[in-house]
Amino acid sequence: GLDQTPTLANLIFSIQYDAEGRVYVKVVSTQPIREPSLGLLLEFGWPRGKTFREFTVLLDP
């Protein structure tokens, strides 16, 4: 499972589009991140369903 750390409360997620119209998730922190990695579980939904994906983000603080 994923550990919920206090850092996760400082993250802001938004859906963005690049110049070619491709979609991506932008993640911004309101505070400095000191952990070397973060585990994220994202839910993606569309009109006929949804899925969950787990991501590990490796950081170089």
C-alpha atoms as a PDB file:
ATOM      1  CA  GLY A   1       0.000   0.000   0.000  1.00  0.00           C
ATOM      2  CA  LEU A   2       0.864   3.651  -0.087  1.00  0.00           C
ATOM      3  CA  ASP A   3       1.934   5.624   2.960  1.00  0.00           C
ATOM      4  CA  GLN A   4       0.163   8.932   3.468  1.00  0.00           C
ATOM      5  CA  THR A   5       2.787  11.519   4.363  1.00  0.00           C
ATOM      6  CA  PRO A   6       2.178  15.139   5.449  1.00  0.00           C
ATOM      7  CA  THR A   7       3.843  16.241   2.197  1.00  0.00           C
ATOM      8  CA  LEU A   8       0.905  14.906   0.178  1.00  0.00           C
ATOM      9  CA  ALA A   9      -1.402  17.503   1.782  1.00  0.00           C
ATOM     10  CA  ASN A  10       0.776  20.222   0.205  1.00  0.00           C
ATOM     11  CA  LEU A  11       0.365  18.969  -3.365  1.00  0.00           C
ATOM     12  CA  ILE A  12      -1.900  20.600  -5.941  1.00  0.00           C
ATOM     13  CA  PHE A  13      -2.882  18.547  -8.995  1.00  0.00           C
ATOM     14  CA  SER A  14      -4.186  20.038 -12.237  1.00  0.00           C
ATOM     15  CA  ILE A  15      -4.928  18.747 -15.721  1.00  0.00           C
ATOM     16  CA  GLN A  16      -2.884  20.549 -18.403  1.00  0.00           C
ATOM     17  CA  TYR A  17      -2.540  20.380 -22.183  1.00  0.00           C
ATOM     18  CA  ASP A  18       0.693  20.797 -24.130  1.00  0.00           C
ATOM     19  CA  ALA A  19       1.031  22.631 -27.467  1.00  0.00           C
ATOM     20  CA  GLU A  20       0.013  19.475 -29.385  1.00  0.00           C
ATOM     21  CA  GLY A  21      -3.131  18.986 -27.284  1.00  0.00           C
ATOM     22  CA  ARG A  22      -1.790  16.072 -25.237  1.00  0.00           C
ATOM     23  CA  VAL A  23      -3.017  15.934 -21.675  1.00  0.00           C
ATOM     24  CA  TYR A  24      -0.805  15.598 -18.595  1.00  0.00           C
ATOM     25  CA  VAL A  25      -1.117  15.972 -14.822  1.00  0.00           C
ATOM     26  CA  LYS A  26       0.818  18.883 -13.314  1.00  0.00           C
ATOM     27  CA  VAL A  27       1.795  18.486  -9.654  1.00  0.00           C
ATOM     28  CA  VAL A  28       2.906  21.523  -7.647  1.00  0.00           C
ATOM     29  CA  SER A  29       3.883  21.649  -3.976  1.00  0.00           C
ATOM     30  CA  THR A  30       3.089  24.624  -1.760  1.00  0.00           C
ATOM     31  CA  GLN A  31       6.050  23.724   0.490  1.00  0.00           C
ATOM     32  CA  PRO A  32       9.556  22.349  -0.110  1.00  0.00           C
ATOM     33  CA  ILE A  33       9.641  18.551  -0.445  1.00  0.00           C
ATOM     34  CA  ARG A  34      12.355  16.857   1.595  1.00  0.00           C
ATOM     35  CA  GLU A  35      11.483  13.207   0.945  1.00  0.00           C
ATOM     36  CA  PRO A  36      13.523  11.379  -1.730  1.00  0.00           C
ATOM     37  CA  SER A  37      10.376   9.830  -3.225  1.00  0.00           C
ATOM     38  CA  LEU A  38       6.597  10.108  -3.192  1.00  0.00           C
ATOM     39  CA  GLY A  39       4.012   7.424  -3.823  1.00  0.00           C
ATOM     40  CA  LEU A  40       0.918   8.681  -5.628  1.00  0.00           C
ATOM     41  CA  LEU A  41      -2.334   6.914  -6.426  1.00  0.00           C
ATOM     42  CA  LEU A  42      -4.254   8.762  -9.138  1.00  0.00           C
ATOM     43  CA  GLU A  43      -7.805   8.088 -10.285  1.00  0.00           C
ATOM     44  CA  PHE A  44      -8.573   8.701 -13.948  1.00  0.00           C
ATOM     45  CA  GLY A  45     -12.212   8.855 -14.969  1.00  0.00           C
ATOM     46  CA  TRP A  46     -14.150   9.210 -18.192  1.00  0.00           C
ATOM     47  CA  PRO A  47     -17.862   8.875 -19.035  1.00  0.00           C
ATOM     48  CA  ARG A  48     -17.821   5.063 -19.295  1.00  0.00           C
ATOM     49  CA  GLY A  49     -15.447   4.128 -16.507  1.00  0.00           C
ATOM     50  CA  LYS A  50     -12.424   4.851 -14.400  1.00  0.00           C
ATOM     51  CA  THR A  51      -9.087   3.382 -13.451  1.00  0.00           C
ATOM     52  CA  PHE A  52      -6.472   3.877 -10.755  1.00  0.00           C
ATOM     53  CA  ARG A  53      -2.731   4.110 -11.396  1.00  0.00           C
ATOM     54  CA  GLU A  54       0.048   4.060  -8.826  1.00  0.00           C
ATOM     55  CA  PHE A  55       3.133   6.174  -9.491  1.00  0.00           C
ATOM     56  CA  THR A  56       6.403   6.509  -7.615  1.00  0.00           C
ATOM     57  CA  VAL A  57       8.068   9.876  -8.135  1.00  0.00           C
ATOM     58  CA  LEU A  58      11.812   9.944  -7.421  1.00  0.00           C
ATOM     59  CA  LEU A  59      13.063  13.363  -6.344  1.00  0.00           C
ATOM     60  CA  ASP A  60      16.487  14.924  -5.988  1.00  0.00           C
ATOM     61  CA  PRO A  61      15.924  17.307  -3.056  1.00  0.00           C
END
